[in-house]
Amino acid sequence: MQAAKQAGFLQGKGGRIGGRVSPALVRQAKRQTGIEADTDLIEFALAAVALEDGFAQAFKTSRNKVDRELKLGF
């Protein structure tokens, strides 16, 4: 959340969203994070997506490709 704050994502909390989700999903997410309030949980989840670094896509893109000059140490 500190990174989201530094990125300016937590300023001006005037937006509102709504939707229907599984209560079991919400309970488990709260257990996993320790977050109790729905609003804080939604904010945390959105911040996690907004701050995604793109590693998964970069990993998929480079699949089965290793630079021949890379020193692997063996």
PDB file of N, CA and C in Angstrom:
ATOM      1  N   MET A   1       0.826  -1.180   0.000  1.00  0.00           N
ATOM      2  CA  MET A   1       0.000   0.000   0.000  1.00  0.00           C
ATOM      3  C   MET A   1       0.875   1.250   0.000  1.00  0.00           C
ATOM      4  N   GLN A   2       2.070   1.122   0.569  1.00  0.00           N
ATOM      5  CA  GLN A   2       2.980   2.269   0.563  1.00  0.00           C
ATOM      6  C   GLN A   2       3.382   2.612  -0.875  1.00  0.00           C
ATOM      7  N   ALA A   3       3.639   1.610  -1.684  1.00  0.00           N
ATOM      8  CA  ALA A   3       3.996   1.855  -3.085  1.00  0.00           C
ATOM      9  C   ALA A   3       2.828   2.493  -3.829  1.00  0.00           C
ATOM     10  N   ALA A   4       1.613   2.057  -3.555  1.00  0.00           N
ATOM     11  CA  ALA A   4       0.425   2.647  -4.191  1.00  0.00           C
ATOM     12  C   ALA A   4       0.266   4.102  -3.771  1.00  0.00           C
ATOM     13  N   LYS A   5       0.545   4.372  -2.519  1.00  0.00           N
ATOM     14  CA  LYS A   5       0.462   5.754  -2.022  1.00  0.00           C
ATOM     15  C   LYS A   5       1.508   6.624  -2.715  1.00  0.00           C
ATOM     16  N   GLN A   6       2.739   6.122  -2.803  1.00  0.00           N
ATOM     17  CA  GLN A   6       3.815   6.882  -3.444  1.00  0.00           C
ATOM     18  C   GLN A   6       3.535   7.113  -4.929  1.00  0.00           C
ATOM     19  N   ALA A   7       2.820   6.176  -5.556  1.00  0.00           N
ATOM     20  CA  ALA A   7       2.484   6.318  -6.972  1.00  0.00           C
ATOM     21  C   ALA A   7       1.307   7.275  -7.181  1.00  0.00           C
ATOM     22  N   GLY A   8       0.693   7.726  -6.083  1.00  0.00           N
ATOM     23  CA  GLY A   8      -0.420   8.662  -6.184  1.00  0.00           C
ATOM     24  C   GLY A   8      -1.764   7.999  -6.411  1.00  0.00           C
ATOM     25  N   PHE A   9      -1.827   6.679  -6.249  1.00  0.00           N
ATOM     26  CA  PHE A   9      -3.070   5.958  -6.500  1.00  0.00           C
ATOM     27  C   PHE A   9      -4.102   6.102  -5.394  1.00  0.00           C
ATOM     28  N   LEU A  10      -3.698   6.565  -4.232  1.00  0.00           N
ATOM     29  CA  LEU A  10      -4.620   6.605  -3.096  1.00  0.00           C
ATOM     30  C   LEU A  10      -5.149   8.007  -2.796  1.00  0.00           C
ATOM     31  N   GLN A  11      -4.905   8.938  -3.685  1.00  0.00           N
ATOM     32  CA  GLN A  11      -5.384  10.305  -3.493  1.00  0.00           C
ATOM     33  C   GLN A  11      -6.790  10.455  -4.038  1.00  0.00           C
ATOM     34  N   GLY A  12      -7.554  11.346  -3.433  1.00  0.00           N
ATOM     35  CA  GLY A  12      -8.872  11.675  -3.957  1.00  0.00           C
ATOM     36  C   GLY A  12      -9.831  10.515  -3.962  1.00  0.00           C
ATOM     37  N   LYS A  13     -10.094   9.952  -2.819  1.00  0.00           N
ATOM     38  CA  LYS A  13     -10.972   8.785  -2.719  1.00  0.00           C
ATOM     39  C   LYS A  13     -12.431   9.174  -2.895  1.00  0.00           C
ATOM     40  N   GLY A  14     -12.803   9.541  -4.091  1.00  0.00           N
ATOM     41  CA  GLY A  14     -14.183   9.903  -4.397  1.00  0.00           C
ATOM     42  C   GLY A  14     -14.864   8.893  -5.295  1.00  0.00           C
ATOM     43  N   GLY A  15     -14.081   7.976  -5.836  1.00  0.00           N
ATOM     44  CA  GLY A  15     -14.632   6.984  -6.752  1.00  0.00           C
ATOM     45  C   GLY A  15     -15.419   5.919  -6.001  1.00  0.00           C
ATOM     46  N   ARG A  16     -16.337   5.319  -6.706  1.00  0.00           N
ATOM     47  CA  ARG A  16     -17.155   4.270  -6.108  1.00  0.00           C
ATOM     48  C   ARG A  16     -17.331   3.148  -7.122  1.00  0.00           C
ATOM     49  N   ILE A  17     -17.218   1.900  -6.652  1.00  0.00           N
ATOM     50  CA  ILE A  17     -17.458   0.754  -7.509  1.00  0.00           C
ATOM     51  C   ILE A  17     -18.430  -0.180  -6.809  1.00  0.00           C
ATOM     52  N   GLY A  18     -19.034  -1.036  -7.561  1.00  0.00           N
ATOM     53  CA  GLY A  18     -19.958  -2.001  -6.981  1.00  0.00           C
ATOM     54  C   GLY A  18     -19.949  -3.271  -7.801  1.00  0.00           C
ATOM     55  N   GLY A  19     -20.300  -4.333  -7.174  1.00  0.00           N
ATOM     56  CA  GLY A  19     -20.344  -5.601  -7.884  1.00  0.00           C
ATOM     57  C   GLY A  19     -20.733  -6.712  -6.936  1.00  0.00           C
ATOM     58  N   ARG A  20     -21.049  -7.840  -7.492  1.00  0.00           N
ATOM     59  CA  ARG A  20     -21.412  -9.005  -6.685  1.00  0.00           C
ATOM     60  C   ARG A  20     -20.269 -10.011  -6.758  1.00  0.00           C
ATOM     61  N   VAL A  21     -19.855 -10.456  -5.591  1.00  0.00           N
ATOM     62  CA  VAL A  21     -18.769 -11.433  -5.510  1.00  0.00           C
ATOM     63  C   VAL A  21     -19.151 -12.524  -4.510  1.00  0.00           C
ATOM     64  N   SER A  22     -18.478 -13.628  -4.605  1.00  0.00           N
ATOM     65  CA  SER A  22     -18.712 -14.752  -3.712  1.00  0.00           C
ATOM     66  C   SER A  22     -18.305 -14.382  -2.284  1.00  0.00           C
ATOM     67  N   PRO A  23     -19.184 -14.580  -1.310  1.00  0.00           N
ATOM     68  CA  PRO A  23     -18.812 -14.333   0.086  1.00  0.00           C
ATOM     69  C   PRO A  23     -17.621 -15.189   0.528  1.00  0.00           C
ATOM     70  N   ALA A  24     -17.525 -16.413  -0.002  1.00  0.00           N
ATOM     71  CA  ALA A  24     -16.392 -17.280   0.342  1.00  0.00           C
ATOM     72  C   ALA A  24     -15.077 -16.678  -0.144  1.00  0.00           C
ATOM     73  N   LEU A  25     -15.103 -16.063  -1.321  1.00  0.00           N
ATOM     74  CA  LEU A  25     -13.912 -15.410  -1.864  1.00  0.00           C
ATOM     75  C   LEU A  25     -13.497 -14.251  -0.968  1.00  0.00           C
ATOM     76  N   VAL A  26     -14.457 -13.455  -0.561  1.00  0.00           N
ATOM     77  CA  VAL A  26     -14.163 -12.309   0.303  1.00  0.00           C
ATOM     78  C   VAL A  26     -13.611 -12.787   1.648  1.00  0.00           C
ATOM     79  N   ARG A  27     -14.234 -13.794   2.251  1.00  0.00           N
ATOM     80  CA  ARG A  27     -13.755 -14.318   3.542  1.00  0.00           C
ATOM     81  C   ARG A  27     -12.313 -14.810   3.450  1.00  0.00           C
ATOM     82  N   GLN A  28     -12.036 -15.575   2.397  1.00  0.00           N
ATOM     83  CA  GLN A  28     -10.677 -16.109   2.237  1.00  0.00           C
ATOM     84  C   GLN A  28      -9.670 -14.994   1.983  1.00  0.00           C
ATOM     85  N   ALA A  29     -10.024 -14.025   1.170  1.00  0.00           N
ATOM     86  CA  ALA A  29      -9.120 -12.903   0.908  1.00  0.00           C
ATOM     87  C   ALA A  29      -8.833 -12.135   2.192  1.00  0.00           C
ATOM     88  N   LYS A  30      -9.851 -11.952   3.023  1.00  0.00           N
ATOM     89  CA  LYS A  30      -9.656 -11.270   4.304  1.00  0.00           C
ATOM     90  C   LYS A  30      -8.758 -12.097   5.216  1.00  0.00           C
ATOM     91  N   ARG A  31      -8.944 -13.413   5.234  1.00  0.00           N
ATOM     92  CA  ARG A  31      -8.079 -14.286   6.046  1.00  0.00           C
ATOM     93  C   ARG A  31      -6.633 -14.187   5.585  1.00  0.00           C
ATOM     94  N   GLN A  32      -6.450 -14.246   4.258  1.00  0.00           N
ATOM     95  CA  GLN A  32      -5.093 -14.227   3.695  1.00  0.00           C
ATOM     96  C   GLN A  32      -4.372 -12.910   3.958  1.00  0.00           C
ATOM     97  N   THR A  33      -5.109 -11.808   3.918  1.00  0.00           N
ATOM     98  CA  THR A  33      -4.485 -10.492   4.033  1.00  0.00           C
ATOM     99  C   THR A  33      -4.538  -9.913   5.437  1.00  0.00           C
ATOM    100  N   GLY A  34      -5.484 -10.376   6.236  1.00  0.00           N
ATOM    101  CA  GLY A  34      -5.676  -9.766   7.556  1.00  0.00           C
ATOM    102  C   GLY A  34      -6.478  -8.482   7.484  1.00  0.00           C
ATOM    103  N   ILE A  35      -6.973  -8.156   6.319  1.00  0.00           N
ATOM    104  CA  ILE A  35      -7.784  -6.947   6.122  1.00  0.00           C
ATOM    105  C   ILE A  35      -9.216  -7.255   6.535  1.00  0.00           C
ATOM    106  N   GLU A  36      -9.816  -6.366   7.312  1.00  0.00           N
ATOM    107  CA  GLU A  36     -11.168  -6.616   7.802  1.00  0.00           C
ATOM    108  C   GLU A  36     -12.252  -5.870   7.028  1.00  0.00           C
ATOM    109  N   ALA A  37     -11.971  -4.659   6.589  1.00  0.00           N
ATOM    110  CA  ALA A  37     -12.990  -3.840   5.923  1.00  0.00           C
ATOM    111  C   ALA A  37     -13.038  -4.140   4.421  1.00  0.00           C
ATOM    112  N   ASP A  38     -14.252  -4.251   3.887  1.00  0.00           N
ATOM    113  CA  ASP A  38     -14.427  -4.511   2.454  1.00  0.00           C
ATOM    114  C   ASP A  38     -13.737  -3.449   1.603  1.00  0.00           C
ATOM    115  N   THR A  39     -13.902  -2.192   1.963  1.00  0.00           N
ATOM    116  CA  THR A  39     -13.300  -1.103   1.191  1.00  0.00           C
ATOM    117  C   THR A  39     -11.786  -1.229   1.152  1.00  0.00           C
ATOM    118  N   ASP A  40     -11.179  -1.531   2.299  1.00  0.00           N
ATOM    119  CA  ASP A  40      -9.726  -1.688   2.350  1.00  0.00           C
ATOM    120  C   ASP A  40      -9.263  -2.889   1.531  1.00  0.00           C
ATOM    121  N   LEU A  41     -10.058  -3.958   1.553  1.00  0.00           N
ATOM    122  CA  LEU A  41      -9.716  -5.145   0.769  1.00  0.00           C
ATOM    123  C   LEU A  41      -9.764  -4.848  -0.728  1.00  0.00           C
ATOM    124  N   ILE A  42     -10.791  -4.152  -1.156  1.00  0.00           N
ATOM    125  CA  ILE A  42     -10.911  -3.783  -2.572  1.00  0.00           C
ATOM    126  C   ILE A  42      -9.755  -2.877  -2.975  1.00  0.00           C
ATOM    127  N   GLU A  43      -9.435  -1.904  -2.139  1.00  0.00           N
ATOM    128  CA  GLU A  43      -8.336  -0.993  -2.425  1.00  0.00           C
ATOM    129  C   GLU A  43      -7.019  -1.755  -2.526  1.00  0.00           C
ATOM    130  N   PHE A  44      -6.795  -2.697  -1.625  1.00  0.00           N
ATOM    131  CA  PHE A  44      -5.581  -3.512  -1.652  1.00  0.00           C
ATOM    132  C   PHE A  44      -5.492  -4.320  -2.945  1.00  0.00           C
ATOM    133  N   ALA A  45      -6.600  -4.961  -3.313  1.00  0.00           N
ATOM    134  CA  ALA A  45      -6.615  -5.788  -4.523  1.00  0.00           C
ATOM    135  C   ALA A  45      -6.363  -4.942  -5.772  1.00  0.00           C
ATOM    136  N   LEU A  46      -6.992  -3.793  -5.851  1.00  0.00           N
ATOM    137  CA  LEU A  46      -6.796  -2.914  -7.006  1.00  0.00           C
ATOM    138  C   LEU A  46      -5.361  -2.384  -7.062  1.00  0.00           C
ATOM    139  N   ALA A  47      -4.799  -2.068  -5.903  1.00  0.00           N
ATOM    140  CA  ALA A  47      -3.415  -1.588  -5.861  1.00  0.00           C
ATOM    141  C   ALA A  47      -2.463  -2.679  -6.340  1.00  0.00           C
ATOM    142  N   ALA A  48      -2.734  -3.920  -5.955  1.00  0.00           N
ATOM    143  CA  ALA A  48      -1.881  -5.032  -6.383  1.00  0.00           C
ATOM    144  C   ALA A  48      -1.887  -5.158  -7.901  1.00  0.00           C
ATOM    145  N   VAL A  49      -3.030  -4.994  -8.515  1.00  0.00           N
ATOM    146  CA  VAL A  49      -3.133  -5.065  -9.972  1.00  0.00           C
ATOM    147  C   VAL A  49      -2.466  -3.849 -10.614  1.00  0.00           C
ATOM    148  N   ALA A  50      -2.713  -2.673 -10.067  1.00  0.00           N
ATOM    149  CA  ALA A  50      -2.161  -1.436 -10.634  1.00  0.00           C
ATOM    150  C   ALA A  50      -0.639  -1.405 -10.572  1.00  0.00           C
ATOM    151  N   LEU A  51      -0.076  -2.038  -9.564  1.00  0.00           N
ATOM    152  CA  LEU A  51       1.373  -2.020  -9.391  1.00  0.00           C
ATOM    153  C   LEU A  51       2.072  -3.235  -9.994  1.00  0.00           C
ATOM    154  N   GLU A  52       1.320  -4.101 -10.653  1.00  0.00           N
ATOM    155  CA  GLU A  52       1.888  -5.297 -11.288  1.00  0.00           C
ATOM    156  C   GLU A  52       3.056  -4.890 -12.172  1.00  0.00           C
ATOM    157  N   ASP A  53       4.152  -5.606 -12.045  1.00  0.00           N
ATOM    158  CA  ASP A  53       5.364  -5.236 -12.777  1.00  0.00           C
ATOM    159  C   ASP A  53       5.509  -5.878 -14.151  1.00  0.00           C
ATOM    160  N   GLY A  54       4.576  -6.719 -14.540  1.00  0.00           N
ATOM    161  CA  GLY A  54       4.643  -7.333 -15.862  1.00  0.00           C
ATOM    162  C   GLY A  54       5.541  -8.554 -15.937  1.00  0.00           C
ATOM    163  N   PHE A  55       5.981  -9.069 -14.784  1.00  0.00           N
ATOM    164  CA  PHE A  55       6.897 -10.208 -14.777  1.00  0.00           C
ATOM    165  C   PHE A  55       6.300 -11.424 -15.478  1.00  0.00           C
ATOM    166  N   ALA A  56       5.048 -11.719 -15.182  1.00  0.00           N
ATOM    167  CA  ALA A  56       4.433 -12.920 -15.758  1.00  0.00           C
ATOM    168  C   ALA A  56       4.459 -12.882 -17.282  1.00  0.00           C
ATOM    169  N   GLN A  57       4.110 -11.761 -17.866  1.00  0.00           N
ATOM    170  CA  GLN A  57       4.117 -11.639 -19.323  1.00  0.00           C
ATOM    171  C   GLN A  57       5.536 -11.713 -19.873  1.00  0.00           C
ATOM    172  N   ALA A  58       6.483 -11.077 -19.207  1.00  0.00           N
ATOM    173  CA  ALA A  58       7.879 -11.137 -19.657  1.00  0.00           C
ATOM    174  C   ALA A  58       8.399 -12.563 -19.587  1.00  0.00           C
ATOM    175  N   PHE A  59       8.014 -13.286 -18.544  1.00  0.00           N
ATOM    176  CA  PHE A  59       8.426 -14.679 -18.393  1.00  0.00           C
ATOM    177  C   PHE A  59       7.854 -15.538 -19.511  1.00  0.00           C
ATOM    178  N   LYS A  60       6.578 -15.342 -19.814  1.00  0.00           N
ATOM    179  CA  LYS A  60       5.936 -16.102 -20.901  1.00  0.00           C
ATOM    180  C   LYS A  60       6.598 -15.798 -22.235  1.00  0.00           C
ATOM    181  N   THR A  61       6.890 -14.529 -22.477  1.00  0.00           N
ATOM    182  CA  THR A  61       7.489 -14.106 -23.738  1.00  0.00           C
ATOM    183  C   THR A  61       8.870 -14.722 -23.938  1.00  0.00           C
ATOM    184  N   SER A  62       9.631 -14.856 -22.857  1.00  0.00           N
ATOM    185  CA  SER A  62      10.994 -15.373 -22.977  1.00  0.00           C
ATOM    186  C   SER A  62      11.081 -16.885 -22.840  1.00  0.00           C
ATOM    187  N   ARG A  63       9.958 -17.551 -22.771  1.00  0.00           N
ATOM    188  CA  ARG A  63       9.928 -19.006 -22.567  1.00  0.00           C
ATOM    189  C   ARG A  63      10.778 -19.734 -23.607  1.00  0.00           C
ATOM    190  N   ASN A  64      11.577 -20.675 -23.113  1.00  0.00           N
ATOM    191  CA  ASN A  64      12.462 -21.497 -23.941  1.00  0.00           C
ATOM    192  C   ASN A  64      13.533 -20.701 -24.674  1.00  0.00           C
ATOM    193  N   LYS A  65      13.838 -19.527 -24.180  1.00  0.00           N
ATOM    194  CA  LYS A  65      14.870 -18.703 -24.810  1.00  0.00           C
ATOM    195  C   LYS A  65      15.869 -18.267 -23.745  1.00  0.00           C
ATOM    196  N   VAL A  66      17.099 -18.691 -23.887  1.00  0.00           N
ATOM    197  CA  VAL A  66      18.162 -18.287 -22.975  1.00  0.00           C
ATOM    198  C   VAL A  66      19.314 -17.741 -23.810  1.00  0.00           C
ATOM    199  N   ASP A  67      19.795 -16.586 -23.420  1.00  0.00           N
ATOM    200  CA  ASP A  67      20.924 -15.987 -24.109  1.00  0.00           C
ATOM    201  C   ASP A  67      22.131 -16.919 -24.007  1.00  0.00           C
ATOM    202  N   ARG A  68      22.755 -17.249 -25.150  1.00  0.00           N
ATOM    203  CA  ARG A  68      23.899 -18.162 -25.174  1.00  0.00           C
ATOM    204  C   ARG A  68      25.089 -17.626 -24.362  1.00  0.00           C
ATOM    205  N   GLU A  69      25.139 -16.331 -24.171  1.00  0.00           N
ATOM    206  CA  GLU A  69      26.249 -15.713 -23.426  1.00  0.00           C
ATOM    207  C   GLU A  69      26.006 -15.707 -21.922  1.00  0.00           C
ATOM    208  N   LEU A  70      24.857 -16.140 -21.468  1.00  0.00           N
ATOM    209  CA  LEU A  70      24.522 -16.138 -20.058  1.00  0.00           C
ATOM    210  C   LEU A  70      25.377 -17.154 -19.308  1.00  0.00           C
ATOM    211  N   LYS A  71      26.031 -16.698 -18.233  1.00  0.00           N
ATOM    212  CA  LYS A  71      26.878 -17.563 -17.404  1.00  0.00           C
ATOM    213  C   LYS A  71      26.004 -18.157 -16.316  1.00  0.00           C
ATOM    214  N   LEU A  72      25.767 -19.472 -16.378  1.00  0.00           N
ATOM    215  CA  LEU A  72      24.895 -20.138 -15.419  1.00  0.00           C
ATOM    216  C   LEU A  72      25.642 -20.673 -14.205  1.00  0.00           C
ATOM    217  N   GLY A  73      26.961 -20.668 -14.214  1.00  0.00           N
ATOM    218  CA  GLY A  73      27.740 -21.079 -13.063  1.00  0.00           C
ATOM    219  C   GLY A  73      28.030 -22.552 -12.956  1.00  0.00           C
ATOM    220  N   PHE A  74      27.825 -23.280 -14.035  1.00  0.00           N
ATOM    221  CA  PHE A  74      28.204 -24.695 -14.022  1.00  0.00           C
ATOM    222  C   PHE A  74      28.697 -25.117 -15.385  1.00  0.00           C
TER     223      PHE A  74
END
